[in-house]
Amino acid sequence: MGLPGSDSDRMVSQLKTLPLHSKLIMCACINLLGRDEKNTEVTVEDVFKKYKKLATELNISWISQSKVSEHIKELEMLRFLKCTYPRKGQGRQIKSIQIFEPAEIPRYIVVLKEDLGYIKKSNLKG
């Protein structure tokens, strides 16, 4: 399994390098899943609505729901998120989304607050 801290540190470092919209999508997922991660079924539509609200609050132009879905799939490949799909034959439509490592959420929040807090402050100036 490797060293406990090394994979976690790698994930946090990787989170810092994600594109802005991916970070906002991660925030939306954490926000939605933070309530009750076991029984909550979060969909792409749920994430899109929350993401759109966050982007608007930060005065950032938001991207389409299909682009949000693409970012979610990328976050799944990077092992930040875990998605379930209806059935094999029905394309790659996401059924529901979860955080891959819920124990890491507090560390993710620290990184995202740092990055997005900076954006919020810089938007207030200009």
N, C-alpha and C. Protein backbone atom coordinates (compact mmCIF):
# COMPACT_ATOMS: atom_id res chain seq x y z
N MET A 1 0.81 -1.20 0.00
CA MET A 1 0.00 0.00 0.00
C MET A 1 0.86 1.28 0.00
N GLY A 2 2.09 1.26 0.29
CA GLY A 2 2.93 2.44 0.25
C GLY A 2 2.83 3.24 1.54
N LEU A 3 3.55 4.33 1.58
CA LEU A 3 3.54 5.18 2.76
C LEU A 3 2.23 5.94 2.87
N PRO A 4 1.64 5.99 4.07
CA PRO A 4 0.34 6.63 4.22
C PRO A 4 0.32 8.09 3.79
N GLY A 5 1.35 8.85 4.10
CA GLY A 5 1.34 10.27 3.78
C GLY A 5 1.67 10.59 2.34
N SER A 6 2.43 9.72 1.67
CA SER A 6 2.94 10.06 0.34
C SER A 6 1.84 10.22 -0.71
N ASP A 7 0.90 9.30 -0.76
CA ASP A 7 -0.18 9.38 -1.74
C ASP A 7 -1.06 10.60 -1.43
N SER A 8 -1.31 10.80 -0.16
CA SER A 8 -2.13 11.92 0.28
C SER A 8 -1.46 13.25 -0.08
N ASP A 9 -0.16 13.35 0.15
CA ASP A 9 0.58 14.58 -0.18
C ASP A 9 0.58 14.82 -1.69
N ARG A 10 0.71 13.74 -2.45
CA ARG A 10 0.69 13.84 -3.91
C ARG A 10 -0.66 14.38 -4.38
N MET A 11 -1.73 13.90 -3.77
CA MET A 11 -3.08 14.33 -4.15
C MET A 11 -3.27 15.83 -3.84
N VAL A 12 -2.80 16.24 -2.68
CA VAL A 12 -2.93 17.65 -2.30
C VAL A 12 -2.12 18.53 -3.26
N SER A 13 -0.90 18.10 -3.60
CA SER A 13 -0.08 18.85 -4.56
C SER A 13 -0.77 18.93 -5.92
N GLN A 14 -1.36 17.81 -6.33
CA GLN A 14 -2.04 17.77 -7.62
C GLN A 14 -3.27 18.69 -7.62
N LEU A 15 -3.97 18.73 -6.50
CA LEU A 15 -5.14 19.58 -6.37
C LEU A 15 -4.78 21.05 -6.60
N LYS A 16 -3.61 21.45 -6.11
CA LYS A 16 -3.16 22.84 -6.27
C LYS A 16 -2.94 23.21 -7.73
N THR A 17 -2.64 22.21 -8.57
CA THR A 17 -2.32 22.48 -9.98
C THR A 17 -3.53 22.35 -10.91
N LEU A 18 -4.67 21.96 -10.38
CA LEU A 18 -5.86 21.79 -11.23
C LEU A 18 -6.32 23.12 -11.82
N PRO A 19 -6.97 23.06 -12.99
CA PRO A 19 -7.55 24.28 -13.56
C PRO A 19 -8.63 24.85 -12.63
N LEU A 20 -8.88 26.13 -12.75
CA LEU A 20 -9.84 26.84 -11.90
C LEU A 20 -11.20 26.14 -11.85
N HIS A 21 -11.75 25.79 -13.01
CA HIS A 21 -13.09 25.19 -13.03
C HIS A 21 -13.11 23.83 -12.34
N SER A 22 -12.02 23.07 -12.45
CA SER A 22 -11.93 21.79 -11.75
C SER A 22 -11.96 22.01 -10.24
N LYS A 23 -11.27 23.05 -9.78
CA LYS A 23 -11.27 23.37 -8.35
C LYS A 23 -12.67 23.76 -7.88
N LEU A 24 -13.36 24.55 -8.69
CA LEU A 24 -14.73 24.94 -8.32
C LEU A 24 -15.65 23.73 -8.30
N ILE A 25 -15.45 22.81 -9.24
CA ILE A 25 -16.26 21.59 -9.28
C ILE A 25 -15.96 20.72 -8.06
N MET A 26 -14.69 20.65 -7.66
CA MET A 26 -14.33 19.92 -6.44
C MET A 26 -15.02 20.55 -5.23
N CYS A 27 -15.02 21.88 -5.17
CA CYS A 27 -15.70 22.59 -4.07
C CYS A 27 -17.17 22.24 -4.04
N ALA A 28 -17.79 22.23 -5.21
CA ALA A 28 -19.22 21.91 -5.30
C ALA A 28 -19.47 20.49 -4.80
N CYS A 29 -18.64 19.54 -5.21
CA CYS A 29 -18.79 18.15 -4.78
C CYS A 29 -18.63 18.02 -3.27
N ILE A 30 -17.59 18.64 -2.73
CA ILE A 30 -17.35 18.58 -1.29
C ILE A 30 -18.52 19.20 -0.54
N ASN A 31 -19.00 20.32 -1.04
CA ASN A 31 -20.12 21.01 -0.42
C ASN A 31 -21.37 20.12 -0.39
N LEU A 32 -21.65 19.47 -1.50
CA LEU A 32 -22.84 18.62 -1.60
C LEU A 32 -22.68 17.32 -0.80
N LEU A 33 -21.48 16.76 -0.81
CA LEU A 33 -21.26 15.47 -0.14
C LEU A 33 -20.92 15.60 1.32
N GLY A 34 -20.56 16.79 1.75
CA GLY A 34 -20.20 17.00 3.14
C GLY A 34 -21.36 16.80 4.10
N ARG A 35 -22.57 16.92 3.59
CA ARG A 35 -23.75 16.80 4.44
C ARG A 35 -23.91 15.39 5.02
N ASP A 36 -23.97 14.40 4.14
CA ASP A 36 -24.22 13.04 4.59
C ASP A 36 -23.67 12.10 3.51
N GLU A 37 -22.37 11.86 3.54
CA GLU A 37 -21.72 11.19 2.42
C GLU A 37 -22.19 9.76 2.14
N LYS A 38 -22.79 9.09 3.11
CA LYS A 38 -23.22 7.70 2.88
C LYS A 38 -24.48 7.60 2.03
N ASN A 39 -25.50 8.38 2.37
CA ASN A 39 -26.79 8.22 1.71
C ASN A 39 -27.09 9.27 0.65
N THR A 40 -26.19 10.20 0.45
CA THR A 40 -26.45 11.25 -0.52
C THR A 40 -26.07 10.77 -1.91
N GLU A 41 -27.01 10.85 -2.83
CA GLU A 41 -26.70 10.53 -4.22
C GLU A 41 -26.60 11.85 -4.97
N VAL A 42 -25.38 12.23 -5.30
CA VAL A 42 -25.13 13.49 -5.98
C VAL A 42 -24.99 13.22 -7.47
N THR A 43 -25.72 14.00 -8.27
CA THR A 43 -25.69 13.84 -9.72
C THR A 43 -24.90 14.98 -10.36
N VAL A 44 -24.62 14.83 -11.65
CA VAL A 44 -23.92 15.89 -12.39
C VAL A 44 -24.75 17.17 -12.33
N GLU A 45 -26.06 17.04 -12.43
CA GLU A 45 -26.93 18.22 -12.38
C GLU A 45 -26.80 18.95 -11.04
N ASP A 46 -26.74 18.19 -9.93
CA ASP A 46 -26.55 18.79 -8.60
C ASP A 46 -25.24 19.55 -8.55
N VAL A 47 -24.18 18.90 -9.03
CA VAL A 47 -22.85 19.52 -9.02
C VAL A 47 -22.84 20.77 -9.90
N PHE A 48 -23.47 20.68 -11.07
CA PHE A 48 -23.52 21.83 -11.98
C PHE A 48 -24.20 23.03 -11.33
N LYS A 49 -25.33 22.79 -10.67
CA LYS A 49 -26.07 23.90 -10.02
C LYS A 49 -25.21 24.56 -8.94
N LYS A 50 -24.56 23.73 -8.11
CA LYS A 50 -23.72 24.26 -7.03
C LYS A 50 -22.49 24.98 -7.62
N TYR A 51 -21.87 24.38 -8.62
CA TYR A 51 -20.70 24.97 -9.30
C TYR A 51 -21.06 26.33 -9.89
N LYS A 52 -22.21 26.39 -10.58
CA LYS A 52 -22.66 27.63 -11.22
C LYS A 52 -22.84 28.73 -10.18
N LYS A 53 -23.40 28.36 -9.03
CA LYS A 53 -23.60 29.32 -7.94
C LYS A 53 -22.25 29.83 -7.41
N LEU A 54 -21.31 28.90 -7.20
CA LEU A 54 -19.97 29.29 -6.72
C LEU A 54 -19.28 30.21 -7.72
N ALA A 55 -19.32 29.85 -9.00
CA ALA A 55 -18.67 30.65 -10.03
C ALA A 55 -19.27 32.06 -10.07
N THR A 56 -20.60 32.14 -9.97
CA THR A 56 -21.28 33.43 -9.99
C THR A 56 -20.87 34.27 -8.79
N GLU A 57 -20.80 33.64 -7.60
CA GLU A 57 -20.38 34.36 -6.39
C GLU A 57 -18.96 34.91 -6.53
N LEU A 58 -18.11 34.17 -7.22
CA LEU A 58 -16.71 34.59 -7.40
C LEU A 58 -16.52 35.47 -8.64
N ASN A 59 -17.64 35.77 -9.32
CA ASN A 59 -17.61 36.59 -10.52
C ASN A 59 -16.76 35.96 -11.62
N ILE A 60 -16.92 34.65 -11.80
CA ILE A 60 -16.18 33.89 -12.80
C ILE A 60 -17.21 33.35 -13.80
N SER A 61 -16.91 33.46 -15.09
CA SER A 61 -17.81 32.91 -16.10
C SER A 61 -17.86 31.40 -15.96
N TRP A 62 -19.07 30.85 -15.90
CA TRP A 62 -19.19 29.41 -15.72
C TRP A 62 -19.25 28.68 -17.05
N ILE A 63 -18.95 27.39 -17.00
CA ILE A 63 -18.94 26.54 -18.20
C ILE A 63 -20.22 25.71 -18.24
N SER A 64 -20.50 25.09 -19.36
CA SER A 64 -21.74 24.33 -19.55
C SER A 64 -21.77 23.05 -18.71
N GLN A 65 -22.96 22.49 -18.56
CA GLN A 65 -23.12 21.26 -17.79
C GLN A 65 -22.34 20.11 -18.44
N SER A 66 -22.28 20.07 -19.77
CA SER A 66 -21.53 18.98 -20.41
C SER A 66 -20.03 19.12 -20.14
N LYS A 67 -19.54 20.37 -20.09
CA LYS A 67 -18.12 20.59 -19.74
C LYS A 67 -17.86 20.23 -18.28
N VAL A 68 -18.81 20.54 -17.40
CA VAL A 68 -18.69 20.16 -15.99
C VAL A 68 -18.58 18.64 -15.89
N SER A 69 -19.40 17.94 -16.67
CA SER A 69 -19.37 16.47 -16.69
C SER A 69 -17.99 15.97 -17.12
N GLU A 70 -17.39 16.61 -18.13
CA GLU A 70 -16.04 16.24 -18.58
C GLU A 70 -15.02 16.44 -17.46
N HIS A 71 -15.13 17.57 -16.76
CA HIS A 71 -14.21 17.84 -15.63
C HIS A 71 -14.38 16.79 -14.53
N ILE A 72 -15.62 16.39 -14.27
CA ILE A 72 -15.89 15.37 -13.25
C ILE A 72 -15.20 14.07 -13.64
N LYS A 73 -15.28 13.70 -14.92
CA LYS A 73 -14.62 12.47 -15.39
C LYS A 73 -13.10 12.57 -15.25
N GLU A 74 -12.55 13.76 -15.51
CA GLU A 74 -11.11 13.97 -15.32
C GLU A 74 -10.74 13.85 -13.84
N LEU A 75 -11.57 14.42 -12.97
CA LEU A 75 -11.31 14.32 -11.53
C LEU A 75 -11.43 12.87 -11.06
N GLU A 76 -12.26 12.09 -11.74
CA GLU A 76 -12.37 10.67 -11.43
C GLU A 76 -11.08 9.94 -11.85
N MET A 77 -10.56 10.27 -13.02
CA MET A 77 -9.32 9.65 -13.49
C MET A 77 -8.16 9.97 -12.55
N LEU A 78 -8.19 11.18 -11.98
CA LEU A 78 -7.13 11.60 -11.05
C LEU A 78 -7.35 11.06 -9.63
N ARG A 79 -8.46 10.36 -9.44
CA ARG A 79 -8.81 9.72 -8.17
C ARG A 79 -9.21 10.70 -7.07
N PHE A 80 -9.79 11.83 -7.48
CA PHE A 80 -10.40 12.73 -6.49
C PHE A 80 -11.85 12.33 -6.28
N LEU A 81 -12.49 11.91 -7.36
CA LEU A 81 -13.90 11.53 -7.30
C LEU A 81 -14.09 10.08 -7.73
N LYS A 82 -15.21 9.53 -7.32
CA LYS A 82 -15.58 8.17 -7.71
C LYS A 82 -17.00 8.26 -8.28
N CYS A 83 -17.16 7.83 -9.52
CA CYS A 83 -18.46 7.94 -10.18
C CYS A 83 -19.05 6.56 -10.42
N THR A 84 -20.38 6.51 -10.39
CA THR A 84 -21.05 5.27 -10.79
C THR A 84 -21.80 5.57 -12.09
N TYR A 85 -21.93 4.54 -12.91
CA TYR A 85 -22.57 4.69 -14.22
C TYR A 85 -23.73 3.70 -14.30
N PRO A 86 -24.83 4.07 -15.02
CA PRO A 86 -26.02 3.20 -15.06
C PRO A 86 -25.70 1.78 -15.52
N ARG A 87 -25.39 1.59 -16.77
CA ARG A 87 -25.04 0.26 -17.30
C ARG A 87 -24.02 0.42 -18.41
N LYS A 88 -23.33 -0.64 -18.69
CA LYS A 88 -22.24 -0.60 -19.67
C LYS A 88 -22.68 -0.04 -21.03
N GLY A 89 -23.82 -0.46 -21.55
CA GLY A 89 -24.22 -0.11 -22.90
C GLY A 89 -24.75 1.30 -23.09
N GLN A 90 -24.90 2.07 -22.04
CA GLN A 90 -25.55 3.38 -22.15
C GLN A 90 -24.58 4.55 -22.17
N GLY A 91 -23.50 4.42 -22.90
CA GLY A 91 -22.53 5.51 -23.00
C GLY A 91 -21.82 5.73 -21.68
N ARG A 92 -21.35 6.94 -21.48
CA ARG A 92 -20.60 7.24 -20.26
C ARG A 92 -21.32 8.30 -19.43
N GLN A 93 -22.64 8.21 -19.38
CA GLN A 93 -23.44 9.13 -18.56
C GLN A 93 -23.21 8.77 -17.08
N ILE A 94 -22.87 9.76 -16.28
CA ILE A 94 -22.59 9.53 -14.85
C ILE A 94 -23.92 9.45 -14.10
N LYS A 95 -24.04 8.41 -13.27
CA LYS A 95 -25.25 8.26 -12.45
C LYS A 95 -25.10 9.03 -11.14
N SER A 96 -24.01 8.79 -10.44
CA SER A 96 -23.79 9.52 -9.18
C SER A 96 -22.29 9.71 -8.92
N ILE A 97 -22.00 10.64 -8.01
CA ILE A 97 -20.62 11.06 -7.74
C ILE A 97 -20.35 10.99 -6.24
N GLN A 98 -19.15 10.52 -5.90
CA GLN A 98 -18.71 10.51 -4.50
C GLN A 98 -17.27 10.98 -4.45
N ILE A 99 -16.81 11.36 -3.27
CA ILE A 99 -15.40 11.70 -3.08
C ILE A 99 -14.66 10.37 -2.94
N PHE A 100 -13.56 10.21 -3.67
CA PHE A 100 -12.82 8.95 -3.66
C PHE A 100 -12.29 8.62 -2.27
N GLU A 101 -11.70 9.60 -1.58
CA GLU A 101 -11.16 9.41 -0.23
C GLU A 101 -11.79 10.43 0.71
N PRO A 102 -12.97 10.13 1.28
CA PRO A 102 -13.64 11.10 2.16
C PRO A 102 -12.76 11.60 3.32
N ALA A 103 -11.84 10.78 3.79
CA ALA A 103 -10.96 11.18 4.90
C ALA A 103 -10.06 12.36 4.51
N GLU A 104 -9.86 12.56 3.21
CA GLU A 104 -8.98 13.63 2.73
C GLU A 104 -9.71 14.97 2.57
N ILE A 105 -11.02 14.99 2.71
CA ILE A 105 -11.79 16.22 2.49
C ILE A 105 -11.24 17.42 3.27
N PRO A 106 -10.92 17.28 4.56
CA PRO A 106 -10.39 18.46 5.28
C PRO A 106 -9.13 19.05 4.63
N ARG A 107 -8.24 18.20 4.14
CA ARG A 107 -7.02 18.70 3.47
C ARG A 107 -7.37 19.37 2.15
N TYR A 108 -8.31 18.80 1.42
CA TYR A 108 -8.74 19.39 0.15
C TYR A 108 -9.34 20.78 0.40
N ILE A 109 -10.14 20.89 1.45
CA ILE A 109 -10.80 22.16 1.78
C ILE A 109 -9.76 23.26 2.05
N VAL A 110 -8.71 22.92 2.79
CA VAL A 110 -7.65 23.90 3.09
C VAL A 110 -7.04 24.44 1.80
N VAL A 111 -6.68 23.54 0.89
CA VAL A 111 -6.06 23.94 -0.38
C VAL A 111 -7.03 24.78 -1.21
N LEU A 112 -8.27 24.34 -1.31
CA LEU A 112 -9.25 25.04 -2.13
C LEU A 112 -9.57 26.42 -1.56
N LYS A 113 -9.65 26.52 -0.23
CA LYS A 113 -9.92 27.82 0.39
C LYS A 113 -8.78 28.79 0.11
N GLU A 114 -7.54 28.29 0.19
CA GLU A 114 -6.38 29.13 -0.10
C GLU A 114 -6.46 29.66 -1.52
N ASP A 115 -6.64 28.76 -2.49
CA ASP A 115 -6.66 29.14 -3.90
C ASP A 115 -7.85 30.00 -4.25
N LEU A 116 -9.02 29.60 -3.83
CA LEU A 116 -10.24 30.31 -4.22
C LEU A 116 -10.43 31.57 -3.39
N GLY A 117 -9.89 31.60 -2.19
CA GLY A 117 -9.92 32.81 -1.38
C GLY A 117 -9.12 33.91 -2.04
N TYR A 118 -7.99 33.53 -2.61
CA TYR A 118 -7.14 34.48 -3.34
C TYR A 118 -7.91 35.05 -4.53
N ILE A 119 -8.61 34.19 -5.26
CA ILE A 119 -9.38 34.63 -6.41
C ILE A 119 -10.46 35.60 -5.98
N LYS A 120 -11.13 35.28 -4.88
CA LYS A 120 -12.20 36.14 -4.40
C LYS A 120 -11.66 37.53 -4.03
N LYS A 121 -10.52 37.57 -3.36
CA LYS A 121 -9.92 38.84 -2.98
C LYS A 121 -9.51 39.64 -4.22
N SER A 122 -8.90 38.96 -5.20
CA SER A 122 -8.46 39.67 -6.39
C SER A 122 -9.65 40.17 -7.20
N ASN A 123 -10.77 39.46 -7.18
CA ASN A 123 -11.97 39.92 -7.89
C ASN A 123 -12.55 41.15 -7.22
N LEU A 124 -12.42 41.25 -5.92
CA LEU A 124 -12.97 42.39 -5.21
C LEU A 124 -12.23 43.68 -5.55
N LYS A 125 -10.95 43.57 -5.88
CA LYS A 125 -10.14 44.76 -6.20
C LYS A 125 -10.50 45.33 -7.57
N GLY A 126 -10.76 44.42 -8.53
CA GLY A 126 -10.88 44.89 -9.89
C GLY A 126 -12.26 45.04 -10.39
